[in-house]
Amino acid sequence: MEKKEERGFWLYDLRVETVLDGRTPVCRHVEGDSFRVIGEALVFEKETRLSMFALASVLPLLAAKQRETDADDWMTTDAEVACPDPHCGGRLRIVREGKRWFSHAATTGLPDQRGTPYWKEEK
């Protein structure tokens, strides 16, 4: 929860899921396989597997998808990223879920502004 005296920001939690929509994959894409993005962490369910090439195609977009964007920005409206293999029908769909508050002090690396890392704080 946001604290008035504390500087910080909101990030969306994300779910990144494999979708085929009838397309044939070449790479290892299994419809419904997914992982979550919570803060800076990629969270995989046990035994979930994802092509490293497909992951590489979606990674640069995740930090931007976590942030609030204008309703008409393509980052808000476009959600699917194609597998980089031009012959593969696999897609990764990025879905914004709930929002989470991060304090500046819990996420900075600057020594004079540092607090307890957010992932060590008690919930």
N, C-alpha and C. Protein backbone atom coordinates (compact mmCIF):
# COMPACT_ATOMS: atom_id res chain seq x y z
N MET A 1 0.85 -1.19 0.00
CA MET A 1 0.00 0.00 0.00
C MET A 1 0.88 1.24 0.00
N GLU A 2 0.51 2.20 -0.77
CA GLU A 2 1.27 3.45 -0.91
C GLU A 2 1.26 4.21 0.41
N LYS A 3 2.43 4.74 0.79
CA LYS A 3 2.55 5.56 1.98
C LYS A 3 2.83 6.98 1.55
N LYS A 4 2.09 7.93 2.05
CA LYS A 4 2.19 9.34 1.62
C LYS A 4 3.60 9.90 1.75
N GLU A 5 4.32 9.55 2.82
CA GLU A 5 5.64 10.13 3.05
C GLU A 5 6.74 9.40 2.26
N GLU A 6 6.41 8.34 1.61
CA GLU A 6 7.40 7.51 0.94
C GLU A 6 7.32 7.67 -0.58
N ARG A 7 8.46 7.90 -1.20
CA ARG A 7 8.50 8.00 -2.67
C ARG A 7 8.49 6.60 -3.26
N GLY A 8 7.80 6.44 -4.38
CA GLY A 8 7.77 5.13 -5.00
C GLY A 8 6.95 5.13 -6.28
N PHE A 9 6.57 3.96 -6.71
CA PHE A 9 5.89 3.81 -8.00
C PHE A 9 5.07 2.51 -8.00
N TRP A 10 4.15 2.45 -8.94
CA TRP A 10 3.30 1.28 -9.15
C TRP A 10 3.80 0.51 -10.37
N LEU A 11 3.76 -0.81 -10.27
CA LEU A 11 4.04 -1.68 -11.42
C LEU A 11 2.93 -2.71 -11.53
N TYR A 12 2.58 -3.04 -12.75
CA TYR A 12 1.65 -4.15 -12.96
C TYR A 12 2.38 -5.47 -12.76
N ASP A 13 1.70 -6.44 -12.16
CA ASP A 13 2.14 -7.82 -12.26
C ASP A 13 1.71 -8.27 -13.64
N LEU A 14 2.49 -9.12 -14.26
CA LEU A 14 2.18 -9.59 -15.61
C LEU A 14 2.08 -11.11 -15.62
N ARG A 15 1.26 -11.61 -16.53
CA ARG A 15 1.25 -13.03 -16.87
C ARG A 15 1.62 -13.10 -18.35
N VAL A 16 2.59 -13.92 -18.68
CA VAL A 16 3.01 -14.10 -20.06
C VAL A 16 2.66 -15.54 -20.43
N GLU A 17 1.74 -15.68 -21.38
CA GLU A 17 1.23 -17.01 -21.71
C GLU A 17 1.43 -17.34 -23.18
N THR A 18 1.64 -18.62 -23.45
CA THR A 18 1.80 -19.09 -24.82
C THR A 18 0.43 -19.25 -25.46
N VAL A 19 0.29 -18.68 -26.66
CA VAL A 19 -0.95 -18.83 -27.42
C VAL A 19 -0.59 -19.28 -28.84
N LEU A 20 -1.42 -20.16 -29.37
CA LEU A 20 -1.23 -20.63 -30.74
C LEU A 20 -2.39 -20.22 -31.63
N ASP A 21 -3.61 -20.19 -31.10
CA ASP A 21 -4.80 -19.82 -31.87
C ASP A 21 -4.86 -20.55 -33.21
N GLY A 22 -4.59 -21.85 -33.19
CA GLY A 22 -4.67 -22.66 -34.39
C GLY A 22 -3.42 -22.67 -35.25
N ARG A 23 -2.45 -21.83 -34.91
CA ARG A 23 -1.21 -21.79 -35.69
C ARG A 23 -0.32 -22.97 -35.27
N THR A 24 0.52 -23.41 -36.17
CA THR A 24 1.42 -24.54 -35.90
C THR A 24 2.77 -24.01 -35.42
N PRO A 25 3.21 -24.47 -34.25
CA PRO A 25 4.53 -24.03 -33.78
C PRO A 25 5.64 -24.88 -34.38
N VAL A 26 6.81 -24.30 -34.50
CA VAL A 26 8.02 -25.03 -34.88
C VAL A 26 8.84 -25.23 -33.61
N CYS A 27 8.94 -24.19 -32.83
CA CYS A 27 9.67 -24.23 -31.56
C CYS A 27 8.78 -24.88 -30.49
N ARG A 28 9.33 -25.08 -29.32
CA ARG A 28 8.56 -25.69 -28.23
C ARG A 28 7.61 -24.66 -27.63
N HIS A 29 6.41 -24.60 -28.16
CA HIS A 29 5.36 -23.73 -27.64
C HIS A 29 4.18 -24.63 -27.29
N VAL A 30 3.79 -24.62 -26.03
CA VAL A 30 2.64 -25.41 -25.59
C VAL A 30 1.57 -24.41 -25.15
N GLU A 31 0.43 -24.45 -25.83
CA GLU A 31 -0.69 -23.55 -25.53
C GLU A 31 -0.97 -23.56 -24.03
N GLY A 32 -1.00 -22.38 -23.44
CA GLY A 32 -1.33 -22.24 -22.02
C GLY A 32 -0.13 -22.21 -21.09
N ASP A 33 1.04 -22.64 -21.53
CA ASP A 33 2.23 -22.51 -20.67
C ASP A 33 2.41 -21.03 -20.36
N SER A 34 2.80 -20.72 -19.13
CA SER A 34 2.92 -19.31 -18.77
C SER A 34 3.93 -19.12 -17.65
N PHE A 35 4.29 -17.87 -17.45
CA PHE A 35 5.06 -17.46 -16.28
C PHE A 35 4.54 -16.09 -15.88
N ARG A 36 4.89 -15.66 -14.68
CA ARG A 36 4.46 -14.36 -14.18
C ARG A 36 5.67 -13.47 -14.00
N VAL A 37 5.42 -12.17 -14.04
CA VAL A 37 6.45 -11.18 -13.74
C VAL A 37 5.94 -10.40 -12.53
N ILE A 38 6.68 -10.47 -11.44
CA ILE A 38 6.32 -9.78 -10.21
C ILE A 38 7.53 -8.95 -9.81
N GLY A 39 7.39 -7.64 -9.92
CA GLY A 39 8.55 -6.78 -9.70
C GLY A 39 9.58 -7.11 -10.77
N GLU A 40 10.78 -7.45 -10.34
CA GLU A 40 11.84 -7.79 -11.29
C GLU A 40 11.95 -9.29 -11.54
N ALA A 41 11.13 -10.08 -10.86
CA ALA A 41 11.27 -11.54 -10.89
C ALA A 41 10.40 -12.20 -11.95
N LEU A 42 10.97 -13.16 -12.66
CA LEU A 42 10.22 -14.05 -13.53
C LEU A 42 9.89 -15.28 -12.70
N VAL A 43 8.61 -15.61 -12.61
CA VAL A 43 8.15 -16.70 -11.74
C VAL A 43 7.54 -17.79 -12.61
N PHE A 44 8.20 -18.93 -12.66
CA PHE A 44 7.75 -20.06 -13.46
C PHE A 44 7.12 -21.11 -12.55
N GLU A 45 6.04 -21.71 -13.02
CA GLU A 45 5.47 -22.86 -12.32
C GLU A 45 6.43 -24.04 -12.50
N LYS A 46 6.36 -24.98 -11.60
CA LYS A 46 7.21 -26.16 -11.69
C LYS A 46 7.00 -26.85 -13.04
N GLU A 47 8.09 -27.21 -13.67
CA GLU A 47 8.09 -27.93 -14.95
C GLU A 47 7.65 -27.11 -16.16
N THR A 48 7.39 -25.81 -15.99
CA THR A 48 7.08 -24.97 -17.15
C THR A 48 8.36 -24.75 -17.94
N ARG A 49 8.27 -24.92 -19.25
CA ARG A 49 9.43 -24.74 -20.11
C ARG A 49 9.08 -23.72 -21.18
N LEU A 50 10.07 -22.94 -21.55
CA LEU A 50 9.88 -21.91 -22.56
C LEU A 50 11.14 -21.81 -23.39
N SER A 51 11.00 -21.72 -24.69
CA SER A 51 12.14 -21.54 -25.58
C SER A 51 12.92 -20.29 -25.17
N MET A 52 14.23 -20.40 -25.06
CA MET A 52 15.03 -19.23 -24.69
C MET A 52 14.98 -18.17 -25.79
N PHE A 53 14.75 -18.58 -27.03
CA PHE A 53 14.67 -17.61 -28.12
C PHE A 53 13.35 -16.83 -28.03
N ALA A 54 12.27 -17.52 -27.70
CA ALA A 54 10.99 -16.85 -27.51
C ALA A 54 11.08 -15.91 -26.30
N LEU A 55 11.71 -16.38 -25.23
CA LEU A 55 11.88 -15.53 -24.05
C LEU A 55 12.70 -14.29 -24.39
N ALA A 56 13.73 -14.45 -25.18
CA ALA A 56 14.56 -13.31 -25.57
C ALA A 56 13.76 -12.28 -26.36
N SER A 57 12.75 -12.72 -27.10
CA SER A 57 11.95 -11.78 -27.89
C SER A 57 11.01 -10.95 -27.03
N VAL A 58 10.60 -11.48 -25.89
CA VAL A 58 9.62 -10.78 -25.05
C VAL A 58 10.28 -9.99 -23.91
N LEU A 59 11.46 -10.38 -23.48
CA LEU A 59 12.11 -9.72 -22.34
C LEU A 59 12.23 -8.20 -22.46
N PRO A 60 12.64 -7.66 -23.61
CA PRO A 60 12.79 -6.20 -23.67
C PRO A 60 11.49 -5.41 -23.47
N LEU A 61 10.35 -6.07 -23.62
CA LEU A 61 9.07 -5.36 -23.50
C LEU A 61 8.48 -5.41 -22.09
N LEU A 62 8.94 -6.32 -21.26
CA LEU A 62 8.28 -6.56 -19.98
C LEU A 62 8.32 -5.36 -19.04
N ALA A 63 9.47 -4.70 -18.93
CA ALA A 63 9.55 -3.54 -18.01
C ALA A 63 8.60 -2.43 -18.45
N ALA A 64 8.47 -2.22 -19.75
CA ALA A 64 7.55 -1.18 -20.24
C ALA A 64 6.10 -1.60 -20.00
N LYS A 65 5.78 -2.88 -20.18
CA LYS A 65 4.41 -3.37 -19.97
C LYS A 65 4.01 -3.27 -18.50
N GLN A 66 4.98 -3.28 -17.59
CA GLN A 66 4.67 -3.18 -16.16
C GLN A 66 4.23 -1.77 -15.77
N ARG A 67 4.57 -0.79 -16.56
CA ARG A 67 4.30 0.61 -16.20
C ARG A 67 3.00 1.10 -16.81
N GLU A 68 2.41 2.10 -16.18
CA GLU A 68 1.21 2.74 -16.70
C GLU A 68 1.55 3.44 -18.00
N THR A 69 0.73 3.24 -19.02
CA THR A 69 0.94 3.89 -20.30
C THR A 69 -0.36 4.50 -20.77
N ASP A 70 -0.28 5.43 -21.69
CA ASP A 70 -1.46 6.08 -22.23
C ASP A 70 -2.38 5.04 -22.89
N ALA A 71 -3.68 5.26 -22.83
CA ALA A 71 -4.65 4.32 -23.40
C ALA A 71 -4.44 4.10 -24.90
N ASP A 72 -3.90 5.10 -25.61
CA ASP A 72 -3.69 4.96 -27.04
C ASP A 72 -2.26 4.54 -27.43
N ASP A 73 -1.42 4.34 -26.45
CA ASP A 73 -0.06 3.90 -26.71
C ASP A 73 -0.10 2.43 -27.16
N TRP A 74 0.70 2.07 -28.15
CA TRP A 74 0.71 0.68 -28.61
C TRP A 74 1.11 -0.28 -27.50
N MET A 75 1.87 0.20 -26.54
CA MET A 75 2.27 -0.65 -25.43
C MET A 75 1.06 -1.06 -24.57
N THR A 76 0.02 -0.23 -24.59
CA THR A 76 -1.21 -0.55 -23.87
C THR A 76 -2.08 -1.50 -24.69
N THR A 77 -2.18 -1.26 -25.98
CA THR A 77 -3.15 -1.98 -26.79
C THR A 77 -2.63 -3.28 -27.41
N ASP A 78 -1.34 -3.38 -27.67
CA ASP A 78 -0.79 -4.58 -28.30
C ASP A 78 -0.23 -5.51 -27.24
N ALA A 79 -0.59 -6.78 -27.31
CA ALA A 79 -0.22 -7.68 -26.23
C ALA A 79 0.53 -8.93 -26.67
N GLU A 80 0.61 -9.20 -27.96
CA GLU A 80 1.23 -10.45 -28.40
C GLU A 80 2.56 -10.21 -29.09
N VAL A 81 3.52 -11.09 -28.77
CA VAL A 81 4.86 -11.02 -29.33
C VAL A 81 5.10 -12.33 -30.07
N ALA A 82 5.49 -12.24 -31.33
CA ALA A 82 5.73 -13.43 -32.14
C ALA A 82 7.05 -14.08 -31.77
N CYS A 83 7.07 -15.38 -31.88
CA CYS A 83 8.32 -16.12 -31.76
C CYS A 83 9.26 -15.58 -32.84
N PRO A 84 10.54 -15.45 -32.54
CA PRO A 84 11.45 -14.89 -33.54
C PRO A 84 11.71 -15.80 -34.74
N ASP A 85 11.35 -17.08 -34.66
CA ASP A 85 11.49 -17.96 -35.82
C ASP A 85 10.39 -17.61 -36.81
N PRO A 86 10.70 -17.16 -38.01
CA PRO A 86 9.68 -16.71 -38.95
C PRO A 86 8.74 -17.82 -39.42
N HIS A 87 9.10 -19.08 -39.19
CA HIS A 87 8.27 -20.20 -39.61
C HIS A 87 7.41 -20.74 -38.46
N CYS A 88 7.55 -20.17 -37.30
CA CYS A 88 6.84 -20.66 -36.11
C CYS A 88 5.57 -19.86 -35.89
N GLY A 89 4.51 -20.54 -35.49
CA GLY A 89 3.24 -19.87 -35.22
C GLY A 89 3.05 -19.48 -33.77
N GLY A 90 4.04 -19.74 -32.92
CA GLY A 90 3.90 -19.44 -31.50
C GLY A 90 3.89 -17.94 -31.21
N ARG A 91 3.13 -17.57 -30.21
CA ARG A 91 3.05 -16.18 -29.73
C ARG A 91 3.11 -16.20 -28.21
N LEU A 92 3.61 -15.11 -27.65
CA LEU A 92 3.56 -14.90 -26.20
C LEU A 92 2.66 -13.70 -25.95
N ARG A 93 1.61 -13.91 -25.19
CA ARG A 93 0.66 -12.85 -24.86
C ARG A 93 1.00 -12.31 -23.47
N ILE A 94 1.16 -10.99 -23.38
CA ILE A 94 1.47 -10.33 -22.11
C ILE A 94 0.17 -9.75 -21.55
N VAL A 95 -0.22 -10.22 -20.37
CA VAL A 95 -1.47 -9.79 -19.75
C VAL A 95 -1.16 -9.03 -18.46
N ARG A 96 -1.65 -7.81 -18.39
CA ARG A 96 -1.48 -7.04 -17.15
C ARG A 96 -2.48 -7.55 -16.12
N GLU A 97 -1.97 -7.74 -14.90
CA GLU A 97 -2.83 -8.19 -13.81
C GLU A 97 -2.88 -7.08 -12.77
N GLY A 98 -2.89 -7.41 -11.50
CA GLY A 98 -2.96 -6.41 -10.45
C GLY A 98 -1.74 -5.51 -10.41
N LYS A 99 -1.87 -4.39 -9.71
CA LYS A 99 -0.76 -3.45 -9.56
C LYS A 99 -0.16 -3.61 -8.16
N ARG A 100 1.12 -3.34 -8.09
CA ARG A 100 1.86 -3.48 -6.84
C ARG A 100 2.69 -2.22 -6.61
N TRP A 101 2.72 -1.74 -5.37
CA TRP A 101 3.47 -0.55 -4.98
C TRP A 101 4.89 -0.94 -4.60
N PHE A 102 5.88 -0.19 -5.11
CA PHE A 102 7.29 -0.38 -4.77
C PHE A 102 7.83 0.95 -4.27
N SER A 103 8.44 0.94 -3.09
CA SER A 103 9.05 2.17 -2.60
C SER A 103 10.41 2.35 -3.28
N HIS A 104 10.77 3.60 -3.46
CA HIS A 104 12.06 3.91 -4.08
C HIS A 104 13.20 3.33 -3.25
N ALA A 105 13.12 3.48 -1.94
CA ALA A 105 14.20 3.02 -1.06
C ALA A 105 14.38 1.51 -1.12
N ALA A 106 13.31 0.77 -1.41
CA ALA A 106 13.39 -0.69 -1.45
C ALA A 106 13.88 -1.22 -2.79
N THR A 107 14.01 -0.35 -3.79
CA THR A 107 14.38 -0.82 -5.12
C THR A 107 15.63 -0.17 -5.69
N THR A 108 16.17 0.84 -5.03
CA THR A 108 17.34 1.54 -5.58
C THR A 108 18.64 0.86 -5.16
N GLY A 109 19.65 1.05 -5.98
CA GLY A 109 20.97 0.57 -5.62
C GLY A 109 21.86 1.68 -5.09
N LEU A 110 21.34 2.91 -5.07
CA LEU A 110 22.14 4.04 -4.60
C LEU A 110 22.34 3.92 -3.09
N PRO A 111 23.59 3.84 -2.63
CA PRO A 111 23.87 3.58 -1.22
C PRO A 111 23.23 4.57 -0.24
N ASP A 112 23.16 5.85 -0.61
CA ASP A 112 22.61 6.84 0.32
C ASP A 112 21.09 6.87 0.32
N GLN A 113 20.43 6.09 -0.53
CA GLN A 113 18.97 6.08 -0.60
C GLN A 113 18.39 4.69 -0.33
N ARG A 114 19.22 3.75 -0.02
CA ARG A 114 18.84 2.35 0.12
C ARG A 114 18.05 2.07 1.39
N GLY A 115 17.07 1.18 1.26
CA GLY A 115 16.34 0.65 2.40
C GLY A 115 16.39 -0.86 2.33
N THR A 116 15.48 -1.52 3.04
CA THR A 116 15.39 -2.97 2.96
C THR A 116 14.91 -3.35 1.57
N PRO A 117 15.58 -4.26 0.89
CA PRO A 117 15.12 -4.65 -0.45
C PRO A 117 13.66 -5.13 -0.40
N TYR A 118 12.88 -4.79 -1.42
CA TYR A 118 11.45 -5.11 -1.42
C TYR A 118 11.20 -6.61 -1.25
N TRP A 119 12.08 -7.43 -1.75
CA TRP A 119 11.85 -8.87 -1.67
C TRP A 119 12.22 -9.46 -0.31
N LYS A 120 12.78 -8.62 0.57
CA LYS A 120 13.07 -9.06 1.95
C LYS A 120 12.08 -8.48 2.95
N GLU A 121 11.24 -7.54 2.49
CA GLU A 121 10.27 -6.92 3.41
C GLU A 121 9.20 -7.94 3.79
N GLU A 122 8.75 -7.87 5.01
CA GLU A 122 7.67 -8.74 5.46
C GLU A 122 6.36 -8.24 4.90
N LYS A 123 5.55 -9.16 4.46
CA LYS A 123 4.24 -8.81 3.88
C LYS A 123 3.16 -8.95 4.90
